[in-house]
Amino acid sequence: MGPMDKEGNFEYIACVPARHFEKIPENMVKKEISQSKYLVFTHIGSLETLHDTFDFIYNRYLPNSEYEAKWNTYHFEFYDERFNDFKENSELDIFVPVK
């Protein structure tokens, strides 16, 4: 995801990690994610229940925690070998920058 505002609006950006930016393919752009403190939440399961995970993070967990989300910066999802096409055992991590 791209920078998110307090209303939950964001630009969705698919990314891959890179160490060098000299030869960026045409029609691709470089985005740098600044260093920040993040809370990491793991979503397990289908795409249909992903909104439940986001609801838990932003509407239940954060308002009742000592943390405050940082807005207008990158909130992102991380897909690794645990991701299994949103099948029941599929996992991905959601990174939420906090103050």
PDB file of N, CA and C in Angstrom:
ATOM      1  N   MET A   1       0.845  -1.171   0.000  1.00  0.00           N
ATOM      2  CA  MET A   1       0.000   0.000   0.000  1.00  0.00           C
ATOM      3  C   MET A   1       0.886   1.228   0.000  1.00  0.00           C
ATOM      4  N   GLY A   2       0.324   2.294  -0.423  1.00  0.00           N
ATOM      5  CA  GLY A   2       1.042   3.551  -0.383  1.00  0.00           C
ATOM      6  C   GLY A   2       0.712   4.307   0.885  1.00  0.00           C
ATOM      7  N   PRO A   3       1.098   5.587   0.927  1.00  0.00           N
ATOM      8  CA  PRO A   3       0.754   6.383   2.108  1.00  0.00           C
ATOM      9  C   PRO A   3      -0.753   6.364   2.338  1.00  0.00           C
ATOM     10  N   MET A   4      -1.156   6.193   3.591  1.00  0.00           N
ATOM     11  CA  MET A   4      -2.572   6.095   3.925  1.00  0.00           C
ATOM     12  C   MET A   4      -2.977   7.311   4.744  1.00  0.00           C
ATOM     13  N   ASP A   5      -4.172   7.841   4.464  1.00  0.00           N
ATOM     14  CA  ASP A   5      -4.671   8.942   5.280  1.00  0.00           C
ATOM     15  C   ASP A   5      -5.608   8.390   6.353  1.00  0.00           C
ATOM     16  N   LYS A   6      -6.077   9.259   7.239  1.00  0.00           N
ATOM     17  CA  LYS A   6      -6.915   8.826   8.363  1.00  0.00           C
ATOM     18  C   LYS A   6      -8.244   8.233   7.933  1.00  0.00           C
ATOM     19  N   GLU A   7      -8.681   8.530   6.710  1.00  0.00           N
ATOM     20  CA  GLU A   7      -9.931   7.971   6.203  1.00  0.00           C
ATOM     21  C   GLU A   7      -9.725   6.599   5.567  1.00  0.00           C
ATOM     22  N   GLY A   8      -8.492   6.133   5.513  1.00  0.00           N
ATOM     23  CA  GLY A   8      -8.196   4.819   4.944  1.00  0.00           C
ATOM     24  C   GLY A   8      -7.965   4.824   3.451  1.00  0.00           C
ATOM     25  N   ASN A   9      -7.849   6.002   2.845  1.00  0.00           N
ATOM     26  CA  ASN A   9      -7.572   6.089   1.404  1.00  0.00           C
ATOM     27  C   ASN A   9      -6.078   5.880   1.170  1.00  0.00           C
ATOM     28  N   PHE A  10      -5.757   5.125   0.140  1.00  0.00           N
ATOM     29  CA  PHE A  10      -4.360   4.883  -0.187  1.00  0.00           C
ATOM     30  C   PHE A  10      -4.227   4.489  -1.643  1.00  0.00           C
ATOM     31  N   GLU A  11      -3.013   4.575  -2.134  1.00  0.00           N
ATOM     32  CA  GLU A  11      -2.686   4.092  -3.472  1.00  0.00           C
ATOM     33  C   GLU A  11      -2.042   2.727  -3.300  1.00  0.00           C
ATOM     34  N   TYR A  12      -2.557   1.713  -3.995  1.00  0.00           N
ATOM     35  CA  TYR A  12      -2.001   0.365  -3.873  1.00  0.00           C
ATOM     36  C   TYR A  12      -0.832   0.232  -4.834  1.00  0.00           C
ATOM     37  N   ILE A  13       0.320  -0.142  -4.307  1.00  0.00           N
ATOM     38  CA  ILE A  13       1.539  -0.259  -5.110  1.00  0.00           C
ATOM     39  C   ILE A  13       2.118  -1.653  -4.882  1.00  0.00           C
ATOM     40  N   ALA A  14       2.366  -2.397  -5.943  1.00  0.00           N
ATOM     41  CA  ALA A  14       3.044  -3.690  -5.833  1.00  0.00           C
ATOM     42  C   ALA A  14       4.537  -3.426  -5.888  1.00  0.00           C
ATOM     43  N   CYS A  15       5.282  -3.975  -4.934  1.00  0.00           N
ATOM     44  CA  CYS A  15       6.716  -3.675  -4.818  1.00  0.00           C
ATOM     45  C   CYS A  15       7.545  -4.940  -4.684  1.00  0.00           C
ATOM     46  N   VAL A  16       8.802  -4.799  -5.001  1.00  0.00           N
ATOM     47  CA  VAL A  16       9.796  -5.827  -4.732  1.00  0.00           C
ATOM     48  C   VAL A  16      11.016  -5.123  -4.131  1.00  0.00           C
ATOM     49  N   PRO A  17      11.698  -5.776  -3.207  1.00  0.00           N
ATOM     50  CA  PRO A  17      12.887  -5.140  -2.626  1.00  0.00           C
ATOM     51  C   PRO A  17      13.986  -4.994  -3.679  1.00  0.00           C
ATOM     52  N   ALA A  18      14.755  -3.918  -3.571  1.00  0.00           N
ATOM     53  CA  ALA A  18      15.865  -3.684  -4.497  1.00  0.00           C
ATOM     54  C   ALA A  18      17.008  -3.030  -3.738  1.00  0.00           C
ATOM     55  N   ARG A  19      18.218  -3.338  -4.153  1.00  0.00           N
ATOM     56  CA  ARG A  19      19.398  -2.721  -3.541  1.00  0.00           C
ATOM     57  C   ARG A  19      19.968  -1.612  -4.424  1.00  0.00           C
ATOM     58  N   HIS A  20      19.720  -1.696  -5.713  1.00  0.00           N
ATOM     59  CA  HIS A  20      20.254  -0.726  -6.669  1.00  0.00           C
ATOM     60  C   HIS A  20      19.118  -0.186  -7.526  1.00  0.00           C
ATOM     61  N   PHE A  21      19.248   1.075  -7.901  1.00  0.00           N
ATOM     62  CA  PHE A  21      18.184   1.716  -8.664  1.00  0.00           C
ATOM     63  C   PHE A  21      18.686   2.283  -9.984  1.00  0.00           C
ATOM     64  N   GLU A  22      19.856   1.848 -10.434  1.00  0.00           N
ATOM     65  CA  GLU A  22      20.423   2.392 -11.664  1.00  0.00           C
ATOM     66  C   GLU A  22      19.646   1.979 -12.913  1.00  0.00           C
ATOM     67  N   LYS A  23      19.124   0.781 -12.922  1.00  0.00           N
ATOM     68  CA  LYS A  23      18.472   0.260 -14.131  1.00  0.00           C
ATOM     69  C   LYS A  23      17.024  -0.130 -13.823  1.00  0.00           C
ATOM     70  N   ILE A  24      16.214   0.861 -13.534  1.00  0.00           N
ATOM     71  CA  ILE A  24      14.805   0.601 -13.263  1.00  0.00           C
ATOM     72  C   ILE A  24      14.108   0.365 -14.602  1.00  0.00           C
ATOM     73  N   PRO A  25      13.403  -0.756 -14.761  1.00  0.00           N
ATOM     74  CA  PRO A  25      12.714  -1.030 -16.027  1.00  0.00           C
ATOM     75  C   PRO A  25      11.703   0.071 -16.371  1.00  0.00           C
ATOM     76  N   GLU A  26      11.489   0.260 -17.646  1.00  0.00           N
ATOM     77  CA  GLU A  26      10.510   1.243 -18.113  1.00  0.00           C
ATOM     78  C   GLU A  26       9.140   0.922 -17.513  1.00  0.00           C
ATOM     79  N   ASN A  27       8.375   1.931 -17.214  1.00  0.00           N
ATOM     80  CA  ASN A  27       7.042   1.815 -16.615  1.00  0.00           C
ATOM     81  C   ASN A  27       7.066   1.372 -15.156  1.00  0.00           C
ATOM     82  N   MET A  28       8.238   1.368 -14.523  1.00  0.00           N
ATOM     83  CA  MET A  28       8.337   1.087 -13.092  1.00  0.00           C
ATOM     84  C   MET A  28       8.895   2.332 -12.420  1.00  0.00           C
ATOM     85  N   VAL A  29       8.617   2.466 -11.137  1.00  0.00           N
ATOM     86  CA  VAL A  29       9.100   3.614 -10.382  1.00  0.00           C
ATOM     87  C   VAL A  29       9.798   3.143  -9.112  1.00  0.00           C
ATOM     88  N   LYS A  30      10.619   4.005  -8.572  1.00  0.00           N
ATOM     89  CA  LYS A  30      11.309   3.728  -7.320  1.00  0.00           C
ATOM     90  C   LYS A  30      10.533   4.387  -6.191  1.00  0.00           C
ATOM     91  N   LYS A  31      10.257   3.646  -5.151  1.00  0.00           N
ATOM     92  CA  LYS A  31       9.621   4.166  -3.943  1.00  0.00           C
ATOM     93  C   LYS A  31      10.485   3.738  -2.766  1.00  0.00           C
ATOM     94  N   GLU A  32      10.826   4.675  -1.922  1.00  0.00           N
ATOM     95  CA  GLU A  32      11.600   4.349  -0.732  1.00  0.00           C
ATOM     96  C   GLU A  32      10.701   4.466   0.488  1.00  0.00           C
ATOM     97  N   ILE A  33      10.775   3.474   1.349  1.00  0.00           N
ATOM     98  CA  ILE A  33      10.008   3.475   2.585  1.00  0.00           C
ATOM     99  C   ILE A  33      10.946   3.925   3.687  1.00  0.00           C
ATOM    100  N   SER A  34      10.605   5.049   4.308  1.00  0.00           N
ATOM    101  CA  SER A  34      11.479   5.577   5.345  1.00  0.00           C
ATOM    102  C   SER A  34      11.453   4.682   6.580  1.00  0.00           C
ATOM    103  N   GLN A  35      12.536   4.730   7.302  1.00  0.00           N
ATOM    104  CA  GLN A  35      12.637   3.933   8.511  1.00  0.00           C
ATOM    105  C   GLN A  35      11.602   4.420   9.512  1.00  0.00           C
ATOM    106  N   SER A  36      10.948   3.504  10.165  1.00  0.00           N
ATOM    107  CA  SER A  36       9.902   3.844  11.119  1.00  0.00           C
ATOM    108  C   SER A  36       9.748   2.694  12.106  1.00  0.00           C
ATOM    109  N   LYS A  37       8.995   2.941  13.147  1.00  0.00           N
ATOM    110  CA  LYS A  37       8.613   1.888  14.080  1.00  0.00           C
ATOM    111  C   LYS A  37       7.301   1.314  13.554  1.00  0.00           C
ATOM    112  N   TYR A  38       7.214   0.001  13.421  1.00  0.00           N
ATOM    113  CA  TYR A  38       6.022  -0.647  12.869  1.00  0.00           C
ATOM    114  C   TYR A  38       5.453  -1.667  13.841  1.00  0.00           C
ATOM    115  N   LEU A  39       4.141  -1.759  13.868  1.00  0.00           N
ATOM    116  CA  LEU A  39       3.465  -2.907  14.466  1.00  0.00           C
ATOM    117  C   LEU A  39       3.209  -3.862  13.317  1.00  0.00           C
ATOM    118  N   VAL A  40       3.394  -5.155  13.558  1.00  0.00           N
ATOM    119  CA  VAL A  40       3.205  -6.149  12.503  1.00  0.00           C
ATOM    120  C   VAL A  40       2.094  -7.108  12.924  1.00  0.00           C
ATOM    121  N   PHE A  41       1.112  -7.239  12.048  1.00  0.00           N
ATOM    122  CA  PHE A  41      -0.032  -8.122  12.272  1.00  0.00           C
ATOM    123  C   PHE A  41      -0.034  -9.172  11.170  1.00  0.00           C
ATOM    124  N   THR A  42      -0.356 -10.410  11.504  1.00  0.00           N
ATOM    125  CA  THR A  42      -0.409 -11.479  10.514  1.00  0.00           C
ATOM    126  C   THR A  42      -1.858 -11.814  10.194  1.00  0.00           C
ATOM    127  N   HIS A  43      -2.177 -11.754   8.896  1.00  0.00           N
ATOM    128  CA  HIS A  43      -3.495 -12.185   8.428  1.00  0.00           C
ATOM    129  C   HIS A  43      -3.353 -13.626   7.973  1.00  0.00           C
ATOM    130  N   ILE A  44      -4.237 -14.490   8.474  1.00  0.00           N
ATOM    131  CA  ILE A  44      -4.254 -15.891   8.058  1.00  0.00           C
ATOM    132  C   ILE A  44      -5.604 -16.165   7.427  1.00  0.00           C
ATOM    133  N   GLY A  45      -5.580 -16.677   6.188  1.00  0.00           N
ATOM    134  CA  GLY A  45      -6.833 -17.057   5.560  1.00  0.00           C
ATOM    135  C   GLY A  45      -7.100 -16.388   4.238  1.00  0.00           C
ATOM    136  N   SER A  46      -8.380 -16.282   3.930  1.00  0.00           N
ATOM    137  CA  SER A  46      -8.827 -15.894   2.600  1.00  0.00           C
ATOM    138  C   SER A  46      -8.838 -14.379   2.396  1.00  0.00           C
ATOM    139  N   LEU A  47      -8.960 -13.988   1.136  1.00  0.00           N
ATOM    140  CA  LEU A  47      -9.118 -12.585   0.773  1.00  0.00           C
ATOM    141  C   LEU A  47     -10.418 -12.039   1.347  1.00  0.00           C
ATOM    142  N   GLU A  48     -11.440 -12.872   1.411  1.00  0.00           N
ATOM    143  CA  GLU A  48     -12.752 -12.447   1.905  1.00  0.00           C
ATOM    144  C   GLU A  48     -12.699 -12.002   3.363  1.00  0.00           C
ATOM    145  N   THR A  49     -11.723 -12.494   4.144  1.00  0.00           N
ATOM    146  CA  THR A  49     -11.634 -12.109   5.556  1.00  0.00           C
ATOM    147  C   THR A  49     -10.538 -11.072   5.816  1.00  0.00           C
ATOM    148  N   LEU A  50      -9.851 -10.628   4.781  1.00  0.00           N
ATOM    149  CA  LEU A  50      -8.788  -9.639   4.956  1.00  0.00           C
ATOM    150  C   LEU A  50      -9.341  -8.344   5.559  1.00  0.00           C
ATOM    151  N   HIS A  51     -10.533  -7.934   5.147  1.00  0.00           N
ATOM    152  CA  HIS A  51     -11.116  -6.708   5.709  1.00  0.00           C
ATOM    153  C   HIS A  51     -11.350  -6.845   7.208  1.00  0.00           C
ATOM    154  N   ASP A  52     -11.610  -8.058   7.701  1.00  0.00           N
ATOM    155  CA  ASP A  52     -11.782  -8.274   9.143  1.00  0.00           C
ATOM    156  C   ASP A  52     -10.481  -7.998   9.887  1.00  0.00           C
ATOM    157  N   THR A  53      -9.363  -8.395   9.287  1.00  0.00           N
ATOM    158  CA  THR A  53      -8.063  -8.150   9.902  1.00  0.00           C
ATOM    159  C   THR A  53      -7.779  -6.652   9.955  1.00  0.00           C
ATOM    160  N   PHE A  54      -8.039  -5.948   8.860  1.00  0.00           N
ATOM    161  CA  PHE A  54      -7.838  -4.503   8.851  1.00  0.00           C
ATOM    162  C   PHE A  54      -8.775  -3.814   9.845  1.00  0.00           C
ATOM    163  N   ASP A  55     -10.013  -4.270   9.933  1.00  0.00           N
ATOM    164  CA  ASP A  55     -10.956  -3.709  10.899  1.00  0.00           C
ATOM    165  C   ASP A  55     -10.431  -3.896  12.318  1.00  0.00           C
ATOM    166  N   PHE A  56      -9.925  -5.077  12.626  1.00  0.00           N
ATOM    167  CA  PHE A  56      -9.369  -5.335  13.948  1.00  0.00           C
ATOM    168  C   PHE A  56      -8.205  -4.382  14.236  1.00  0.00           C
ATOM    169  N   ILE A  57      -7.289  -4.241  13.281  1.00  0.00           N
ATOM    170  CA  ILE A  57      -6.103  -3.408  13.487  1.00  0.00           C
ATOM    171  C   ILE A  57      -6.492  -1.947  13.750  1.00  0.00           C
ATOM    172  N   TYR A  58      -7.235  -1.366  12.816  1.00  0.00           N
ATOM    173  CA  TYR A  58      -7.476   0.074  12.849  1.00  0.00           C
ATOM    174  C   TYR A  58      -8.655   0.509  13.727  1.00  0.00           C
ATOM    175  N   ASN A  59      -9.620  -0.361  13.917  1.00  0.00           N
ATOM    176  CA  ASN A  59     -10.814   0.045  14.671  1.00  0.00           C
ATOM    177  C   ASN A  59     -10.918  -0.556  16.060  1.00  0.00           C
ATOM    178  N   ARG A  60     -10.164  -1.614  16.329  1.00  0.00           N
ATOM    179  CA  ARG A  60     -10.231  -2.215  17.659  1.00  0.00           C
ATOM    180  C   ARG A  60      -8.890  -2.175  18.383  1.00  0.00           C
ATOM    181  N   TYR A  61      -7.831  -2.679  17.730  1.00  0.00           N
ATOM    182  CA  TYR A  61      -6.548  -2.743  18.423  1.00  0.00           C
ATOM    183  C   TYR A  61      -5.950  -1.357  18.680  1.00  0.00           C
ATOM    184  N   LEU A  62      -5.715  -0.590  17.609  1.00  0.00           N
ATOM    185  CA  LEU A  62      -5.031   0.700  17.771  1.00  0.00           C
ATOM    186  C   LEU A  62      -5.757   1.665  18.711  1.00  0.00           C
ATOM    187  N   PRO A  63      -7.086   1.835  18.611  1.00  0.00           N
ATOM    188  CA  PRO A  63      -7.743   2.787  19.514  1.00  0.00           C
ATOM    189  C   PRO A  63      -7.626   2.408  20.994  1.00  0.00           C
ATOM    190  N   ASN A  64      -7.368   1.139  21.269  1.00  0.00           N
ATOM    191  CA  ASN A  64      -7.283   0.678  22.651  1.00  0.00           C
ATOM    192  C   ASN A  64      -5.858   0.353  23.088  1.00  0.00           C
ATOM    193  N   SER A  65      -4.896   0.806  22.313  1.00  0.00           N
ATOM    194  CA  SER A  65      -3.499   0.523  22.634  1.00  0.00           C
ATOM    195  C   SER A  65      -2.770   1.815  22.965  1.00  0.00           C
ATOM    196  N   GLU A  66      -1.521   1.679  23.320  1.00  0.00           N
ATOM    197  CA  GLU A  66      -0.671   2.844  23.585  1.00  0.00           C
ATOM    198  C   GLU A  66      -0.117   3.447  22.301  1.00  0.00           C
ATOM    199  N   TYR A  67      -0.412   2.824  21.158  1.00  0.00           N
ATOM    200  CA  TYR A  67       0.157   3.256  19.884  1.00  0.00           C
ATOM    201  C   TYR A  67      -0.820   4.119  19.087  1.00  0.00           C
ATOM    202  N   GLU A  68      -0.233   4.975  18.262  1.00  0.00           N
ATOM    203  CA  GLU A  68      -1.020   5.791  17.345  1.00  0.00           C
ATOM    204  C   GLU A  68      -0.430   5.620  15.952  1.00  0.00           C
ATOM    205  N   ALA A  69      -1.277   5.312  14.991  1.00  0.00           N
ATOM    206  CA  ALA A  69      -0.795   5.114  13.618  1.00  0.00           C
ATOM    207  C   ALA A  69      -0.211   6.421  13.082  1.00  0.00           C
ATOM    208  N   LYS A  70       0.840   6.295  12.281  1.00  0.00           N
ATOM    209  CA  LYS A  70       1.387   7.435  11.553  1.00  0.00           C
ATOM    210  C   LYS A  70       0.688   7.473  10.208  1.00  0.00           C
ATOM    211  N   TRP A  71       0.054   8.584   9.888  1.00  0.00           N
ATOM    212  CA  TRP A  71      -0.678   8.712   8.632  1.00  0.00           C
ATOM    213  C   TRP A  71       0.186   9.401   7.589  1.00  0.00           C
ATOM    214  N   ASN A  72      -0.228   9.288   6.350  1.00  0.00           N
ATOM    215  CA  ASN A  72       0.488   9.863   5.209  1.00  0.00           C
ATOM    216  C   ASN A  72       1.907   9.333   5.096  1.00  0.00           C
ATOM    217  N   THR A  73       2.054   8.082   5.466  1.00  0.00           N
ATOM    218  CA  THR A  73       3.298   7.343   5.260  1.00  0.00           C
ATOM    219  C   THR A  73       2.913   5.924   4.870  1.00  0.00           C
ATOM    220  N   TYR A  74       3.894   5.109   4.535  1.00  0.00           N
ATOM    221  CA  TYR A  74       3.595   3.782   3.992  1.00  0.00           C
ATOM    222  C   TYR A  74       3.151   2.786   5.056  1.00  0.00           C
ATOM    223  N   HIS A  75       1.950   2.293   4.887  1.00  0.00           N
ATOM    224  CA  HIS A  75       1.437   1.117   5.583  1.00  0.00           C
ATOM    225  C   HIS A  75       1.542   0.035   4.503  1.00  0.00           C
ATOM    226  N   PHE A  76       2.048  -1.139   4.827  1.00  0.00           N
ATOM    227  CA  PHE A  76       2.206  -2.100   3.736  1.00  0.00           C
ATOM    228  C   PHE A  76       1.973  -3.535   4.169  1.00  0.00           C
ATOM    229  N   GLU A  77       1.729  -4.352   3.141  1.00  0.00           N
ATOM    230  CA  GLU A  77       1.555  -5.797   3.310  1.00  0.00           C
ATOM    231  C   GLU A  77       2.811  -6.476   2.803  1.00  0.00           C
ATOM    232  N   PHE A  78       3.208  -7.545   3.470  1.00  0.00           N
ATOM    233  CA  PHE A  78       4.399  -8.293   3.070  1.00  0.00           C
ATOM    234  C   PHE A  78       4.004  -9.733   2.796  1.00  0.00           C
ATOM    235  N   TYR A  79       4.251 -10.159   1.566  1.00  0.00           N
ATOM    236  CA  TYR A  79       3.927 -11.515   1.127  1.00  0.00           C
ATOM    237  C   TYR A  79       5.233 -12.286   0.983  1.00  0.00           C
ATOM    238  N   ASP A  80       5.362 -13.420   1.676  1.00  0.00           N
ATOM    239  CA  ASP A  80       6.553 -14.251   1.543  1.00  0.00           C
ATOM    240  C   ASP A  80       6.122 -15.694   1.262  1.00  0.00           C
ATOM    241  N   GLU A  81       6.982 -16.647   1.593  1.00  0.00           N
ATOM    242  CA  GLU A  81       6.691 -18.052   1.274  1.00  0.00           C
ATOM    243  C   GLU A  81       5.470 -18.588   2.022  1.00  0.00           C
ATOM    244  N   ARG A  82       5.000 -17.904   3.049  1.00  0.00           N
ATOM    245  CA  ARG A  82       3.799 -18.342   3.775  1.00  0.00           C
ATOM    246  C   ARG A  82       2.515 -18.038   3.005  1.00  0.00           C
ATOM    247  N   PHE A  83       2.611 -17.116   2.032  1.00  0.00           N
ATOM    248  CA  PHE A  83       1.434 -16.756   1.258  1.00  0.00           C
ATOM    249  C   PHE A  83       1.081 -17.896   0.306  1.00  0.00           C
ATOM    250  N   ASN A  84      -0.195 -18.297   0.308  1.00  0.00           N
ATOM    251  CA  ASN A  84      -0.650 -19.422  -0.497  1.00  0.00           C
ATOM    252  C   ASN A  84      -1.944 -19.050  -1.223  1.00  0.00           C
ATOM    253  N   ASP A  85      -1.870 -17.961  -2.009  1.00  0.00           N
ATOM    254  CA  ASP A  85      -2.984 -17.543  -2.866  1.00  0.00           C
ATOM    255  C   ASP A  85      -4.298 -17.374  -2.098  1.00  0.00           C
ATOM    256  N   PHE A  86      -4.220 -16.848  -0.883  1.00  0.00           N
ATOM    257  CA  PHE A  86      -5.377 -16.588  -0.028  1.00  0.00           C
ATOM    258  C   PHE A  86      -6.188 -17.840   0.274  1.00  0.00           C
ATOM    259  N   LYS A  87      -5.531 -18.994   0.281  1.00  0.00           N
ATOM    260  CA  LYS A  87      -6.213 -20.214   0.731  1.00  0.00           C
ATOM    261  C   LYS A  87      -6.309 -20.168   2.252  1.00  0.00           C
ATOM    262  N   GLU A  88      -6.994 -21.126   2.838  1.00  0.00           N
ATOM    263  CA  GLU A  88      -7.253 -21.140   4.273  1.00  0.00           C
ATOM    264  C   GLU A  88      -5.984 -21.032   5.121  1.00  0.00           C
ATOM    265  N   ASN A  89      -4.875 -21.611   4.661  1.00  0.00           N
ATOM    266  CA  ASN A  89      -3.626 -21.594   5.418  1.00  0.00           C
ATOM    267  C   ASN A  89      -2.674 -20.478   4.974  1.00  0.00           C
ATOM    268  N   SER A  90      -3.147 -19.601   4.113  1.00  0.00           N
ATOM    269  CA  SER A  90      -2.321 -18.518   3.584  1.00  0.00           C
ATOM    270  C   SER A  90      -2.050 -17.457   4.653  1.00  0.00           C
ATOM    271  N   GLU A  91      -0.818 -16.919   4.666  1.00  0.00           N
ATOM    272  CA  GLU A  91      -0.455 -15.881   5.633  1.00  0.00           C
ATOM    273  C   GLU A  91       0.246 -14.724   4.936  1.00  0.00           C
ATOM    274  N   LEU A  92      -0.001 -13.514   5.431  1.00  0.00           N
ATOM    275  CA  LEU A  92       0.725 -12.326   5.018  1.00  0.00           C
ATOM    276  C   LEU A  92       0.808 -11.399   6.210  1.00  0.00           C
ATOM    277  N   ASP A  93       1.812 -10.530   6.218  1.00  0.00           N
ATOM    278  CA  ASP A  93       1.991  -9.598   7.332  1.00  0.00           C
ATOM    279  C   ASP A  93       1.570  -8.199   6.901  1.00  0.00           C
ATOM    280  N   ILE A  94       0.962  -7.487   7.824  1.00  0.00           N
ATOM    281  CA  ILE A  94       0.524  -6.109   7.613  1.00  0.00           C
ATOM    282  C   ILE A  94       1.367  -5.234   8.548  1.00  0.00           C
ATOM    283  N   PHE A  95       2.105  -4.299   7.969  1.00  0.00           N
ATOM    284  CA  PHE A  95       2.975  -3.403   8.712  1.00  0.00           C
ATOM    285  C   PHE A  95       2.296  -2.049   8.855  1.00  0.00           C
ATOM    286  N   VAL A  96       2.120  -1.613  10.091  1.00  0.00           N
ATOM    287  CA  VAL A  96       1.467  -0.345  10.384  1.00  0.00           C
ATOM    288  C   VAL A  96       2.477   0.564  11.096  1.00  0.00           C
ATOM    289  N   PRO A  97       2.867   1.682  10.472  1.00  0.00           N
ATOM    290  CA  PRO A  97       3.809   2.580  11.136  1.00  0.00           C
ATOM    291  C   PRO A  97       3.125   3.293  12.303  1.00  0.00           C
ATOM    292  N   VAL A  98       3.846   3.392  13.427  1.00  0.00           N
ATOM    293  CA  VAL A  98       3.280   4.015  14.623  1.00  0.00           C
ATOM    294  C   VAL A  98       4.221   5.068  15.188  1.00  0.00           C
ATOM    295  N   LYS A  99       3.612   5.983  15.939  1.00  0.00           N
ATOM    296  CA  LYS A  99       4.373   7.038  16.628  1.00  0.00           C
ATOM    297  C   LYS A  99       4.923   6.501  17.927  1.00  0.00           C
TER     298      LYS A  99
END
